[in-house]
Amino acid sequence: MREFGVQMEKTGLYIDKRQDKVMYPKKYFSSAMWQKQREETTLYIQCHVRAWFARKHTNALRKLRDDRDQELLKKQNELRLQEESKHKEEIERRMHPKKAHDFEILYNELEAWRKNETKKINNSIELKEDQKKLALQ
C-alpha cells in the first residue's frame, strides 16, 4: 500500500512535493526482536490484569468487612435502643406503679436501702451510741 502510486518526476511532468513526506528506513526488526517485544508486552498486560484482579478481590473483601461492621453497628444500635426503652419503662413503672408487682419491687428496694443504711450506721465507729440511736430514728 505504501509503495502504490509512487511516480518519479521526469521531463515534461512536474510533481508538487510540498506535501510529500520523507520516509527513512527504521532499524531492522528481526523475528527474535519481535518475539521479545511480544513477551514483554504480554508480561506487562499480565501484570496489570493480575493487579486489577487483586484490587477487585481486595475491594470485595473490604466491602464484606464494611457490611459486617455496618451490621454490627446496626445491631448495637438496636440493642442500645431496646435497653433505653426498657430503662424508660422501668423508670415509668417506678414513678407511676400500677400493678402489684410494681409495688412489690419498690417495697423490696426500699427495704434493701433501709437495711444498708442501718448497717452503715451500726458499723460507723465515728458515731457514739446516742448519735447512732438518733441516726437510726
N, C-alpha and C. Protein backbone atom coordinates (compact mmCIF):
# COMPACT_ATOMS: atom_id res chain seq x y z
N MET A 1 0.83 -1.18 0.00
CA MET A 1 0.00 0.00 0.00
C MET A 1 0.88 1.25 0.00
N ARG A 2 2.00 1.17 0.69
CA ARG A 2 2.85 2.33 0.83
C ARG A 2 3.54 2.68 -0.49
N GLU A 3 3.91 1.67 -1.24
CA GLU A 3 4.62 1.92 -2.50
C GLU A 3 3.67 2.22 -3.66
N PHE A 4 2.43 2.06 -3.46
CA PHE A 4 1.45 2.25 -4.52
C PHE A 4 1.38 3.71 -4.93
N GLY A 5 1.38 3.95 -6.20
CA GLY A 5 1.17 5.28 -6.73
C GLY A 5 2.38 6.18 -6.63
N VAL A 6 3.56 5.65 -6.47
CA VAL A 6 4.75 6.50 -6.42
C VAL A 6 5.21 6.75 -7.85
N GLN A 7 5.39 7.99 -8.18
CA GLN A 7 5.82 8.33 -9.53
C GLN A 7 6.99 9.30 -9.45
N MET A 8 7.94 9.11 -10.27
CA MET A 8 9.12 9.96 -10.30
C MET A 8 8.88 11.12 -11.25
N GLU A 9 9.54 12.20 -10.98
CA GLU A 9 9.44 13.37 -11.83
C GLU A 9 10.32 13.14 -13.08
N LYS A 10 9.84 13.57 -14.21
CA LYS A 10 10.63 13.42 -15.45
C LYS A 10 10.37 14.62 -16.35
N THR A 11 11.01 14.67 -17.41
CA THR A 11 10.88 15.79 -18.32
C THR A 11 9.45 15.87 -18.82
N GLY A 12 8.87 17.05 -18.69
CA GLY A 12 7.52 17.25 -19.14
C GLY A 12 6.47 16.94 -18.06
N LEU A 13 6.90 16.41 -16.90
CA LEU A 13 5.96 16.08 -15.82
C LEU A 13 6.45 16.73 -14.53
N TYR A 14 5.65 17.65 -14.03
CA TYR A 14 6.01 18.31 -12.77
C TYR A 14 5.14 17.71 -11.66
N ILE A 15 5.78 17.31 -10.57
CA ILE A 15 5.07 16.76 -9.40
C ILE A 15 5.27 17.70 -8.22
N ASP A 16 4.18 18.10 -7.59
CA ASP A 16 4.24 19.02 -6.44
C ASP A 16 4.74 18.24 -5.22
N LYS A 17 5.82 18.67 -4.62
CA LYS A 17 6.44 17.97 -3.50
C LYS A 17 6.20 18.66 -2.16
N ARG A 18 5.32 19.64 -2.09
CA ARG A 18 5.11 20.40 -0.85
C ARG A 18 4.49 19.56 0.26
N GLN A 19 3.66 18.61 -0.08
CA GLN A 19 3.01 17.80 0.96
C GLN A 19 3.60 16.41 1.04
N ASP A 20 4.71 16.21 0.40
CA ASP A 20 5.36 14.90 0.46
C ASP A 20 5.98 14.69 1.83
N LYS A 21 6.06 13.45 2.22
CA LYS A 21 6.71 13.06 3.46
C LYS A 21 7.97 12.31 3.10
N VAL A 22 9.03 12.64 3.75
CA VAL A 22 10.27 11.91 3.55
C VAL A 22 10.30 10.80 4.57
N MET A 23 10.42 9.61 4.10
CA MET A 23 10.42 8.45 4.98
C MET A 23 11.81 7.84 5.00
N TYR A 24 12.25 7.53 6.20
CA TYR A 24 13.55 6.91 6.36
C TYR A 24 13.35 5.50 6.87
N PRO A 25 14.20 4.61 6.52
CA PRO A 25 14.05 3.24 6.99
C PRO A 25 14.34 3.16 8.49
N LYS A 26 13.60 2.32 9.17
CA LYS A 26 13.81 2.11 10.59
C LYS A 26 14.81 0.99 10.79
N LYS A 27 15.14 0.79 12.05
CA LYS A 27 16.07 -0.27 12.38
C LYS A 27 15.45 -1.61 11.99
N TYR A 28 16.30 -2.52 11.59
CA TYR A 28 15.82 -3.84 11.18
C TYR A 28 15.19 -4.54 12.38
N PHE A 29 14.06 -5.14 12.16
CA PHE A 29 13.30 -5.78 13.22
C PHE A 29 13.25 -7.28 12.93
N SER A 30 14.05 -8.04 13.67
CA SER A 30 14.12 -9.47 13.41
C SER A 30 12.99 -10.19 14.14
N SER A 31 12.81 -11.46 13.84
CA SER A 31 11.76 -12.25 14.49
C SER A 31 12.06 -12.45 15.97
N ALA A 32 13.34 -12.50 16.34
CA ALA A 32 13.71 -12.63 17.75
C ALA A 32 13.33 -11.36 18.51
N MET A 33 13.59 -10.22 17.87
CA MET A 33 13.22 -8.95 18.50
C MET A 33 11.71 -8.84 18.62
N TRP A 34 11.01 -9.29 17.61
CA TRP A 34 9.54 -9.26 17.65
C TRP A 34 9.02 -10.16 18.76
N GLN A 35 9.62 -11.35 18.92
CA GLN A 35 9.22 -12.29 19.97
C GLN A 35 9.49 -11.68 21.35
N LYS A 36 10.64 -11.04 21.51
CA LYS A 36 10.98 -10.41 22.79
C LYS A 36 9.99 -9.30 23.13
N GLN A 37 9.67 -8.47 22.13
CA GLN A 37 8.71 -7.39 22.37
C GLN A 37 7.35 -7.97 22.72
N ARG A 38 6.99 -9.02 22.07
CA ARG A 38 5.69 -9.66 22.34
C ARG A 38 5.64 -10.20 23.77
N GLU A 39 6.73 -10.84 24.21
CA GLU A 39 6.79 -11.37 25.58
C GLU A 39 6.73 -10.24 26.60
N GLU A 40 7.46 -9.16 26.35
CA GLU A 40 7.43 -8.02 27.27
C GLU A 40 6.04 -7.41 27.36
N THR A 41 5.40 -7.28 26.21
CA THR A 41 4.03 -6.74 26.19
C THR A 41 3.08 -7.68 26.92
N THR A 42 3.26 -8.97 26.70
CA THR A 42 2.42 -9.97 27.39
C THR A 42 2.60 -9.87 28.89
N LEU A 43 3.85 -9.78 29.35
CA LEU A 43 4.11 -9.66 30.79
C LEU A 43 3.51 -8.38 31.36
N TYR A 44 3.61 -7.31 30.60
CA TYR A 44 3.03 -6.04 31.03
C TYR A 44 1.52 -6.17 31.20
N ILE A 45 0.87 -6.76 30.21
CA ILE A 45 -0.58 -6.95 30.28
C ILE A 45 -0.95 -7.87 31.43
N GLN A 46 -0.20 -8.98 31.58
CA GLN A 46 -0.49 -9.91 32.67
C GLN A 46 -0.34 -9.22 34.03
N CYS A 47 0.70 -8.43 34.16
CA CYS A 47 0.94 -7.71 35.42
C CYS A 47 -0.25 -6.82 35.76
N HIS A 48 -0.71 -6.07 34.78
CA HIS A 48 -1.82 -5.15 35.04
C HIS A 48 -3.13 -5.89 35.26
N VAL A 49 -3.33 -6.99 34.55
CA VAL A 49 -4.57 -7.75 34.75
C VAL A 49 -4.58 -8.39 36.13
N ARG A 50 -3.43 -8.93 36.55
CA ARG A 50 -3.36 -9.53 37.90
C ARG A 50 -3.55 -8.47 38.98
N ALA A 51 -2.98 -7.31 38.75
CA ALA A 51 -3.19 -6.21 39.72
C ALA A 51 -4.67 -5.82 39.77
N TRP A 52 -5.31 -5.80 38.62
CA TRP A 52 -6.74 -5.48 38.57
C TRP A 52 -7.54 -6.53 39.33
N PHE A 53 -7.21 -7.84 39.11
CA PHE A 53 -7.90 -8.90 39.85
C PHE A 53 -7.67 -8.76 41.35
N ALA A 54 -6.44 -8.44 41.73
CA ALA A 54 -6.13 -8.27 43.15
C ALA A 54 -6.91 -7.11 43.75
N ARG A 55 -6.98 -5.99 43.03
CA ARG A 55 -7.76 -4.85 43.52
C ARG A 55 -9.24 -5.21 43.63
N LYS A 56 -9.72 -5.94 42.64
CA LYS A 56 -11.13 -6.35 42.65
C LYS A 56 -11.42 -7.24 43.86
N HIS A 57 -10.52 -8.21 44.10
CA HIS A 57 -10.69 -9.12 45.24
C HIS A 57 -10.60 -8.35 46.56
N THR A 58 -9.62 -7.45 46.65
CA THR A 58 -9.46 -6.66 47.87
C THR A 58 -10.69 -5.78 48.12
N ASN A 59 -11.20 -5.17 47.08
CA ASN A 59 -12.41 -4.34 47.24
C ASN A 59 -13.60 -5.17 47.69
N ALA A 60 -13.69 -6.41 47.17
CA ALA A 60 -14.79 -7.29 47.59
C ALA A 60 -14.65 -7.63 49.07
N LEU A 61 -13.41 -7.96 49.50
CA LEU A 61 -13.19 -8.26 50.92
C LEU A 61 -13.46 -7.04 51.79
N ARG A 62 -13.05 -5.87 51.31
CA ARG A 62 -13.29 -4.64 52.06
C ARG A 62 -14.78 -4.37 52.18
N LYS A 63 -15.52 -4.63 51.11
CA LYS A 63 -16.97 -4.44 51.13
C LYS A 63 -17.63 -5.39 52.13
N LEU A 64 -17.16 -6.66 52.15
CA LEU A 64 -17.69 -7.62 53.12
C LEU A 64 -17.42 -7.14 54.55
N ARG A 65 -16.19 -6.67 54.79
CA ARG A 65 -15.84 -6.19 56.12
C ARG A 65 -16.70 -4.99 56.50
N ASP A 66 -16.87 -4.05 55.57
CA ASP A 66 -17.69 -2.88 55.85
C ASP A 66 -19.15 -3.25 56.10
N ASP A 67 -19.64 -4.22 55.32
CA ASP A 67 -21.02 -4.67 55.53
C ASP A 67 -21.18 -5.31 56.90
N ARG A 68 -20.18 -6.13 57.29
CA ARG A 68 -20.23 -6.75 58.63
C ARG A 68 -20.19 -5.68 59.71
N ASP A 69 -19.31 -4.69 59.53
CA ASP A 69 -19.23 -3.61 60.52
C ASP A 69 -20.54 -2.84 60.60
N GLN A 70 -21.14 -2.56 59.46
CA GLN A 70 -22.43 -1.85 59.44
C GLN A 70 -23.51 -2.67 60.16
N GLU A 71 -23.51 -3.99 59.89
CA GLU A 71 -24.50 -4.86 60.54
C GLU A 71 -24.28 -4.87 62.05
N LEU A 72 -23.02 -4.95 62.47
CA LEU A 72 -22.70 -4.94 63.89
C LEU A 72 -23.14 -3.63 64.54
N LEU A 73 -22.86 -2.51 63.87
CA LEU A 73 -23.29 -1.21 64.40
C LEU A 73 -24.81 -1.13 64.49
N LYS A 74 -25.46 -1.68 63.48
CA LYS A 74 -26.92 -1.66 63.47
C LYS A 74 -27.47 -2.47 64.65
N LYS A 75 -26.88 -3.66 64.88
CA LYS A 75 -27.34 -4.49 66.00
C LYS A 75 -27.06 -3.81 67.33
N GLN A 76 -25.87 -3.20 67.45
CA GLN A 76 -25.55 -2.50 68.69
C GLN A 76 -26.51 -1.35 68.93
N ASN A 77 -26.85 -0.65 67.86
CA ASN A 77 -27.79 0.47 67.98
C ASN A 77 -29.17 -0.04 68.40
N GLU A 78 -29.59 -1.15 67.80
CA GLU A 78 -30.89 -1.72 68.17
C GLU A 78 -30.89 -2.15 69.63
N LEU A 79 -29.80 -2.81 70.07
CA LEU A 79 -29.72 -3.24 71.47
C LEU A 79 -29.72 -2.03 72.41
N ARG A 80 -28.99 -0.98 72.04
CA ARG A 80 -28.97 0.22 72.85
C ARG A 80 -30.36 0.84 72.96
N LEU A 81 -31.08 0.86 71.83
CA LEU A 81 -32.45 1.41 71.84
C LEU A 81 -33.37 0.56 72.70
N GLN A 82 -33.20 -0.77 72.62
CA GLN A 82 -34.02 -1.65 73.46
C GLN A 82 -33.72 -1.43 74.93
N GLU A 83 -32.42 -1.30 75.26
CA GLU A 83 -32.05 -1.05 76.66
C GLU A 83 -32.61 0.29 77.14
N GLU A 84 -32.54 1.29 76.28
CA GLU A 84 -33.10 2.60 76.66
C GLU A 84 -34.60 2.52 76.88
N SER A 85 -35.29 1.80 76.01
CA SER A 85 -36.74 1.68 76.18
C SER A 85 -37.08 0.90 77.45
N LYS A 86 -36.30 -0.16 77.73
CA LYS A 86 -36.52 -0.91 78.98
C LYS A 86 -36.28 -0.01 80.19
N HIS A 87 -35.22 0.78 80.10
CA HIS A 87 -34.89 1.68 81.21
C HIS A 87 -36.00 2.71 81.41
N LYS A 88 -36.50 3.26 80.31
CA LYS A 88 -37.59 4.23 80.41
C LYS A 88 -38.85 3.58 81.00
N GLU A 89 -39.16 2.36 80.57
CA GLU A 89 -40.32 1.64 81.12
C GLU A 89 -40.14 1.39 82.61
N GLU A 90 -38.90 1.01 83.00
CA GLU A 90 -38.62 0.75 84.41
C GLU A 90 -38.79 2.02 85.23
N ILE A 91 -38.30 3.13 84.72
CA ILE A 91 -38.45 4.41 85.42
C ILE A 91 -39.94 4.77 85.52
N GLU A 92 -40.65 4.57 84.42
CA GLU A 92 -42.09 4.87 84.43
C GLU A 92 -42.82 3.99 85.45
N ARG A 93 -42.44 2.71 85.52
CA ARG A 93 -43.08 1.80 86.48
C ARG A 93 -42.77 2.21 87.91
N ARG A 94 -41.56 2.75 88.13
CA ARG A 94 -41.20 3.16 89.49
C ARG A 94 -41.86 4.50 89.86
N MET A 95 -41.97 5.39 88.88
CA MET A 95 -42.58 6.69 89.16
C MET A 95 -44.10 6.58 89.30
N HIS A 96 -44.70 5.72 88.48
CA HIS A 96 -46.16 5.56 88.50
C HIS A 96 -46.51 4.07 88.54
N PRO A 97 -46.34 3.43 89.69
CA PRO A 97 -46.65 2.00 89.77
C PRO A 97 -48.15 1.75 89.62
N LYS A 98 -48.49 0.70 88.88
CA LYS A 98 -49.90 0.40 88.65
C LYS A 98 -50.26 -1.02 89.09
N LYS A 99 -49.31 -1.93 88.97
CA LYS A 99 -49.59 -3.33 89.29
C LYS A 99 -49.00 -3.67 90.65
N ALA A 100 -49.46 -4.78 91.20
CA ALA A 100 -48.97 -5.23 92.50
C ALA A 100 -47.48 -5.56 92.41
N HIS A 101 -47.08 -6.08 91.30
CA HIS A 101 -45.67 -6.44 91.10
C HIS A 101 -44.78 -5.18 91.16
N ASP A 102 -45.25 -4.07 90.61
CA ASP A 102 -44.50 -2.82 90.65
C ASP A 102 -44.33 -2.34 92.10
N PHE A 103 -45.41 -2.42 92.87
CA PHE A 103 -45.35 -2.01 94.26
C PHE A 103 -44.43 -2.93 95.06
N GLU A 104 -44.43 -4.21 94.74
CA GLU A 104 -43.58 -5.17 95.44
C GLU A 104 -42.10 -4.87 95.18
N ILE A 105 -41.77 -4.53 93.93
CA ILE A 105 -40.38 -4.19 93.58
C ILE A 105 -39.94 -2.95 94.35
N LEU A 106 -40.80 -1.94 94.38
CA LEU A 106 -40.46 -0.71 95.11
C LEU A 106 -40.28 -0.99 96.60
N TYR A 107 -41.16 -1.83 97.16
CA TYR A 107 -41.06 -2.15 98.58
C TYR A 107 -39.75 -2.88 98.87
N ASN A 108 -39.39 -3.85 98.04
CA ASN A 108 -38.15 -4.61 98.25
C ASN A 108 -36.91 -3.70 98.13
N GLU A 109 -36.94 -2.78 97.19
CA GLU A 109 -35.81 -1.85 97.05
C GLU A 109 -35.71 -0.93 98.26
N LEU A 110 -36.83 -0.48 98.72
CA LEU A 110 -36.84 0.39 99.90
C LEU A 110 -36.33 -0.36 101.12
N GLU A 111 -36.75 -1.61 101.27
CA GLU A 111 -36.30 -2.42 102.40
C GLU A 111 -34.79 -2.68 102.31
N ALA A 112 -34.27 -2.94 101.11
CA ALA A 112 -32.83 -3.16 100.94
C ALA A 112 -32.07 -1.88 101.25
N TRP A 113 -32.59 -0.75 100.85
CA TRP A 113 -31.94 0.52 101.15
C TRP A 113 -31.92 0.77 102.66
N ARG A 114 -33.06 0.49 103.33
CA ARG A 114 -33.16 0.69 104.78
C ARG A 114 -32.15 -0.19 105.52
N LYS A 115 -32.03 -1.46 105.11
CA LYS A 115 -31.07 -2.37 105.76
C LYS A 115 -29.63 -1.90 105.55
N ASN A 116 -29.35 -1.42 104.35
CA ASN A 116 -28.00 -0.95 104.03
C ASN A 116 -27.64 0.28 104.88
N GLU A 117 -28.58 1.20 105.00
CA GLU A 117 -28.34 2.39 105.80
C GLU A 117 -28.18 2.04 107.28
N THR A 118 -29.00 1.11 107.77
CA THR A 118 -28.90 0.68 109.16
C THR A 118 -27.53 0.05 109.42
N LYS A 119 -27.07 -0.76 108.49
CA LYS A 119 -25.76 -1.40 108.63
C LYS A 119 -24.65 -0.36 108.65
N LYS A 120 -24.76 0.67 107.80
CA LYS A 120 -23.76 1.74 107.78
C LYS A 120 -23.70 2.46 109.13
N ILE A 121 -24.88 2.75 109.66
CA ILE A 121 -24.93 3.48 110.93
C ILE A 121 -24.36 2.61 112.05
N ASN A 122 -24.73 1.34 112.10
CA ASN A 122 -24.27 0.44 113.16
C ASN A 122 -22.77 0.17 113.06
N ASN A 123 -22.22 0.14 111.87
CA ASN A 123 -20.79 -0.15 111.70
C ASN A 123 -19.93 1.11 111.79
N SER A 124 -20.53 2.27 111.88
CA SER A 124 -19.79 3.51 111.95
C SER A 124 -19.09 3.61 113.31
N ILE A 125 -17.78 3.87 113.28
CA ILE A 125 -17.03 3.98 114.53
C ILE A 125 -16.91 5.44 114.98
N GLU A 126 -17.28 6.34 114.12
CA GLU A 126 -17.17 7.76 114.44
C GLU A 126 -18.34 8.24 115.30
N LEU A 127 -19.48 7.53 115.20
CA LEU A 127 -20.68 7.97 115.93
C LEU A 127 -20.72 7.30 117.31
N LYS A 128 -21.20 8.03 118.30
CA LYS A 128 -21.40 7.48 119.65
C LYS A 128 -22.76 6.81 119.70
N GLU A 129 -23.03 6.10 120.80
CA GLU A 129 -24.27 5.33 120.92
C GLU A 129 -25.51 6.21 120.80
N ASP A 130 -25.52 7.34 121.47
CA ASP A 130 -26.71 8.20 121.39
C ASP A 130 -26.87 8.83 119.98
N GLN A 131 -25.73 9.10 119.31
CA GLN A 131 -25.82 9.61 117.94
C GLN A 131 -26.32 8.52 117.00
N LYS A 132 -25.92 7.26 117.26
CA LYS A 132 -26.38 6.13 116.43
C LYS A 132 -27.89 5.97 116.58
N LYS A 133 -28.39 6.04 117.82
CA LYS A 133 -29.83 5.88 118.05
C LYS A 133 -30.59 7.00 117.36
N LEU A 134 -30.03 8.20 117.42
CA LEU A 134 -30.67 9.33 116.79
C LEU A 134 -30.69 9.16 115.27
N ALA A 135 -29.56 8.66 114.72
CA ALA A 135 -29.47 8.45 113.27
C ALA A 135 -30.40 7.32 112.83
N LEU A 136 -30.57 6.31 113.69
CA LEU A 136 -31.46 5.21 113.34
C LEU A 136 -32.92 5.65 113.32
N GLN A 137 -33.26 6.63 114.14
CA GLN A 137 -34.62 7.11 114.16
C GLN A 137 -34.91 7.84 112.87
